Amino acid sequence: MNRLPIFFLFLGLATTGIAAPQDSNPSVYEVEVAVIQNNLPDLEGGELWSQDRVDTNIADLDKAVLINNVPNPDSDLSRALENLDADSGYRVLFHKRWVEEAKPEGNAELIRINSNDGQLNGTLKFYLSRFLHLDVNLLMQEGDPTTMVQADGIPGALLYRISQERRIHSGDVQYFDHPKFGALIAVTPVLSNKR
């Protein structure tokens, strides 16, 4: 599968969004997150990624909460990931969901985003200011840290980072992008009777 159909898959999810349920509680949301590694070498356009620019610090990682909730297999995101899983050009590193109240930034929980193999590590914060916001801070390593050599000659894995905060609308699927990996995040209002 080439990049174009995957791009349109993400674009379709992002533009059509997920319908907001009737009788929803506007302060409680389901958050579903998927992080996907891109293994297609031709998508990089021959770019070399300088490792000296990658900040390896993930603020407050030790305070982040682990989530173990399995996503609904019938969700739009789960169905999209089934197609990606069948393609050797992509690898799903993380896929979880949880329910949380939209709180002010200072009171919002920091959620830990990590893969079982340690290749992905980071945090996500969902909060309410005047509008809803997502703050994503992810670090992905590629290769074996004991055998790889970075650009400056120091042994270690190659590192790639996504660090971005953005305002969002509930019901939309957000895509946080890096040529090596990306995060798809769906935030939808929860029905009042699910509280």
Protein backbone atom coordinates (compact mmCIF):
# COMPACT_ATOMS: atom_id res chain seq x y z
CA MET A 1 0.00 0.00 0.00
CA ASN A 2 1.41 3.40 -0.85
CA ARG A 3 1.18 6.63 1.09
CA LEU A 4 -1.67 8.19 -0.86
CA PRO A 5 -4.45 5.77 0.24
CA ILE A 6 -3.26 6.00 3.86
CA PHE A 7 -3.30 9.80 3.63
CA PHE A 8 -6.88 9.71 2.34
CA LEU A 9 -7.85 7.27 5.10
CA PHE A 10 -6.58 9.72 7.73
CA LEU A 11 -8.09 12.68 5.90
CA GLY A 12 -11.46 10.91 5.79
CA LEU A 13 -11.37 10.26 9.51
CA ALA A 14 -10.26 13.80 10.28
CA THR A 15 -12.78 15.58 8.09
CA THR A 16 -15.87 13.48 8.67
CA GLY A 17 -15.23 13.22 12.38
CA ILE A 18 -17.35 11.16 14.71
CA ALA A 19 -20.90 12.21 15.30
CA ALA A 20 -21.51 13.67 18.75
CA PRO A 21 -24.09 11.55 20.58
CA GLN A 22 -27.41 13.05 21.65
CA ASP A 23 -27.86 13.79 25.37
CA SER A 24 -24.12 14.01 25.92
CA ASN A 25 -22.41 15.43 28.99
CA PRO A 26 -20.26 18.24 27.57
CA SER A 27 -17.56 17.87 30.22
CA VAL A 28 -16.88 14.09 29.95
CA TYR A 29 -15.11 12.66 26.89
CA GLU A 30 -13.79 9.40 25.55
CA VAL A 31 -10.23 9.76 24.30
CA GLU A 32 -8.88 7.13 21.89
CA VAL A 33 -5.23 7.25 20.85
CA ALA A 34 -3.31 5.28 18.23
CA VAL A 35 0.38 5.79 17.45
CA ILE A 36 1.66 4.34 14.16
CA GLN A 37 5.24 3.87 12.96
CA ASN A 38 5.93 4.48 9.28
CA ASN A 39 8.28 1.83 7.84
CA LEU A 40 8.15 3.08 4.25
CA PRO A 41 11.60 4.50 3.42
CA ASP A 42 10.50 6.44 0.34
CA LEU A 43 8.24 8.74 2.38
CA GLU A 44 11.20 10.51 3.92
CA GLY A 45 12.20 12.10 0.63
CA GLY A 46 15.88 11.38 1.23
CA GLU A 47 15.97 13.60 4.30
CA LEU A 48 18.56 12.92 6.99
CA TRP A 49 17.29 13.47 10.51
CA SER A 50 19.84 15.24 12.69
CA GLN A 51 19.94 13.58 16.09
CA ASP A 52 21.49 16.55 17.87
CA ARG A 53 18.17 18.42 17.60
CA VAL A 54 16.07 15.79 19.38
CA ASP A 55 15.30 16.75 22.97
CA THR A 56 15.04 13.48 24.89
CA ASN A 57 13.48 15.07 27.98
CA ILE A 58 9.79 14.29 28.50
CA ALA A 59 8.52 16.63 31.21
CA ASP A 60 6.76 15.01 34.18
CA LEU A 61 6.92 11.51 32.67
CA ASP A 62 7.19 10.05 36.18
CA LYS A 63 3.84 11.70 37.08
CA ALA A 64 1.95 10.34 34.06
CA VAL A 65 -0.82 7.77 34.56
CA LEU A 66 -0.79 4.42 32.73
CA ILE A 67 -3.97 3.45 30.89
CA ASN A 68 -4.90 -0.19 30.30
CA ASN A 69 -8.33 0.21 28.68
CA VAL A 70 -8.69 -1.72 25.44
CA PRO A 71 -10.35 0.25 22.60
CA ASN A 72 -13.72 -0.72 21.21
CA PRO A 73 -13.02 -2.99 18.19
CA ASP A 74 -15.94 -1.36 16.35
CA SER A 75 -14.66 2.21 16.66
CA ASP A 76 -13.75 4.10 13.49
CA LEU A 77 -10.14 4.25 14.63
CA SER A 78 -9.97 0.50 15.35
CA ARG A 79 -11.31 -0.31 11.91
CA ALA A 80 -8.80 2.06 10.25
CA LEU A 81 -5.95 0.43 12.20
CA GLU A 82 -6.97 -3.03 10.96
CA ASN A 83 -6.11 -1.86 7.44
CA LEU A 84 -2.77 -0.48 8.58
CA ASP A 85 -1.92 -3.66 10.51
CA ALA A 86 -2.29 -5.65 7.29
CA ASP A 87 0.29 -3.40 5.58
CA SER A 88 3.95 -4.13 6.37
CA GLY A 89 4.75 -0.46 5.75
CA TYR A 90 3.13 0.51 9.05
CA ARG A 91 3.23 -0.75 12.61
CA VAL A 92 0.79 0.13 15.39
CA LEU A 93 2.87 1.02 18.47
CA PHE A 94 0.05 2.05 20.81
CA HIS A 95 -3.76 1.92 20.83
CA LYS A 96 -5.76 2.67 23.99
CA ARG A 97 -8.86 4.55 25.09
CA TRP A 98 -10.12 6.08 28.30
CA VAL A 99 -12.84 8.37 29.63
CA GLU A 100 -11.97 11.61 31.40
CA GLU A 101 -13.46 14.92 32.39
CA ALA A 102 -12.20 18.01 30.57
CA LYS A 103 -10.46 19.98 33.33
CA PRO A 104 -8.37 23.17 33.34
CA GLU A 105 -4.78 22.59 32.21
CA GLY A 106 -3.33 22.76 35.73
CA ASN A 107 -5.74 20.05 36.98
CA ALA A 108 -5.75 17.76 33.94
CA GLU A 109 -4.18 14.32 34.22
CA LEU A 110 -1.05 13.54 32.27
CA ILE A 111 -1.51 10.21 30.45
CA ARG A 112 1.47 7.93 29.71
CA ILE A 113 1.80 6.80 26.09
CA ASN A 114 4.23 3.91 25.67
CA SER A 115 4.74 0.73 23.69
CA ASN A 116 5.41 -2.64 25.31
CA ASP A 117 8.82 -2.90 23.63
CA GLY A 118 9.98 0.52 24.90
CA GLN A 119 10.26 1.96 21.39
CA LEU A 120 7.65 4.64 22.12
CA ASN A 121 7.46 6.80 25.22
CA GLY A 122 5.68 10.01 26.02
CA THR A 123 2.67 11.81 27.41
CA LEU A 124 -0.67 13.25 26.38
CA LYS A 125 -2.70 15.88 28.18
CA PHE A 126 -6.34 16.61 27.31
CA TYR A 127 -7.65 19.79 28.90
CA LEU A 128 -10.15 22.63 28.74
CA SER A 129 -9.08 26.24 28.53
CA ARG A 130 -11.55 28.43 26.71
CA PHE A 131 -11.62 25.57 24.18
CA LEU A 132 -10.59 21.89 24.25
CA HIS A 133 -6.87 21.22 23.80
CA LEU A 134 -4.50 18.29 23.31
CA ASP A 135 -0.84 18.48 24.32
CA VAL A 136 1.16 15.62 22.78
CA ASN A 137 4.78 14.89 23.68
CA LEU A 138 6.08 11.64 22.11
CA LEU A 139 9.55 10.20 21.61
CA MET A 140 10.13 7.19 19.34
CA GLN A 141 13.40 5.33 19.08
CA GLU A 142 14.37 3.24 16.10
CA GLY A 143 17.01 0.54 16.21
CA ASP A 144 18.99 -1.14 18.94
CA PRO A 145 20.60 1.40 21.30
CA THR A 146 23.53 -1.00 21.86
CA THR A 147 24.49 -1.27 18.18
CA MET A 148 23.30 1.85 16.35
CA VAL A 149 25.55 4.90 15.97
CA GLN A 150 24.11 8.39 15.97
CA ALA A 151 25.30 11.18 13.67
CA ASP A 152 27.82 12.42 16.24
CA GLY A 153 29.36 8.95 16.61
CA ILE A 154 27.82 8.22 20.03
CA PRO A 155 26.25 4.74 20.20
CA GLY A 156 22.50 4.74 20.59
CA ALA A 157 19.17 4.42 18.85
CA LEU A 158 17.91 6.98 16.38
CA LEU A 159 15.34 9.25 18.05
CA TYR A 160 12.31 11.04 16.61
CA ARG A 161 9.95 13.40 18.40
CA ILE A 162 6.45 14.86 18.14
CA SER A 163 5.84 17.75 20.54
CA GLN A 164 2.74 19.78 19.82
CA GLU A 165 -0.19 21.45 21.55
CA ARG A 166 -3.33 22.30 19.61
CA ARG A 167 -6.91 23.42 20.04
CA ILE A 168 -9.41 20.74 19.01
CA HIS A 169 -13.12 20.22 18.38
CA SER A 170 -14.80 17.20 19.95
CA GLY A 171 -15.96 14.66 17.41
CA ASP A 172 -12.96 15.22 15.11
CA VAL A 173 -9.99 12.90 14.72
CA GLN A 174 -6.68 14.73 15.14
CA TYR A 175 -3.49 13.65 13.36
CA PHE A 176 -0.12 14.61 14.83
CA ASP A 177 2.46 13.97 12.15
CA HIS A 178 6.16 13.17 11.76
CA PRO A 179 7.60 11.42 8.68
CA LYS A 180 8.63 8.46 10.88
CA PHE A 181 5.49 8.10 13.01
CA GLY A 182 2.15 9.70 13.76
CA ALA A 183 -0.59 9.85 16.37
CA LEU A 184 -4.32 9.65 15.64
CA ILE A 185 -6.48 10.95 18.49
CA ALA A 186 -10.29 10.87 18.66
CA VAL A 187 -12.08 12.86 21.38
CA THR A 188 -15.84 12.31 21.63
CA PRO A 189 -18.46 13.39 24.19
CA VAL A 190 -19.72 10.62 26.48
CA LEU A 191 -23.43 9.94 26.93
CA SER A 192 -24.74 11.24 30.26
CA ASN A 193 -25.96 7.81 31.37
CA LYS A 194 -22.40 6.40 31.09
CA ARG A 195 -21.07 8.55 33.94
